[in-house]
């Protein structure tokens, strides 16, 4: 069904775990992967580039991202090679990673975006924003959100603790 999967990465452990799962998924589906890293220039700059005194500041920010991109994308490329999955890599610079993800998926004719969901609570995600949520709500391309089992177990554990507290209060 899916032939070309976009796999965005931020280099985190969760993103690496998601990449391993995505490669397994791609192998089973006989699909290829485009791995991408969105260089986060917007998080480290003023409102726009003209606010900098020197263009060299922008160049330093982007070159630091280049080494991260090479490391993060290299990890995925190796996973794909070991699994026999075709892989291309791409690093893009932009202010909003979610927009870059959607643009790359559309420009490269991907038919699935495979992402992870960080384990933040609803309130934290609301305040900080969620790249995954934004991709989900703005993409016309299907999005598969991988949630590692330990995130679900942590959530269940919190719910069970709350139920135990309620039981203790009723007993008292």
Foldseek 3Di string as FASTA:
>chain_A
DFAEEEQEAPQDPQSLVLLLVVLVVCLVVVHAYEYEYELALQVPDPPDPVPDPDCVVVVVSVVVSVVVQCVRVVSSVVSNVVSVHHYHYYYHYDNQVLVVSQVVCVVVVGQEYEEEWDLDDPVVCVVVPTSVVSNVVPHPHYYHYDYDPVSVVVVVVVVVVVVVVVVVVVVD
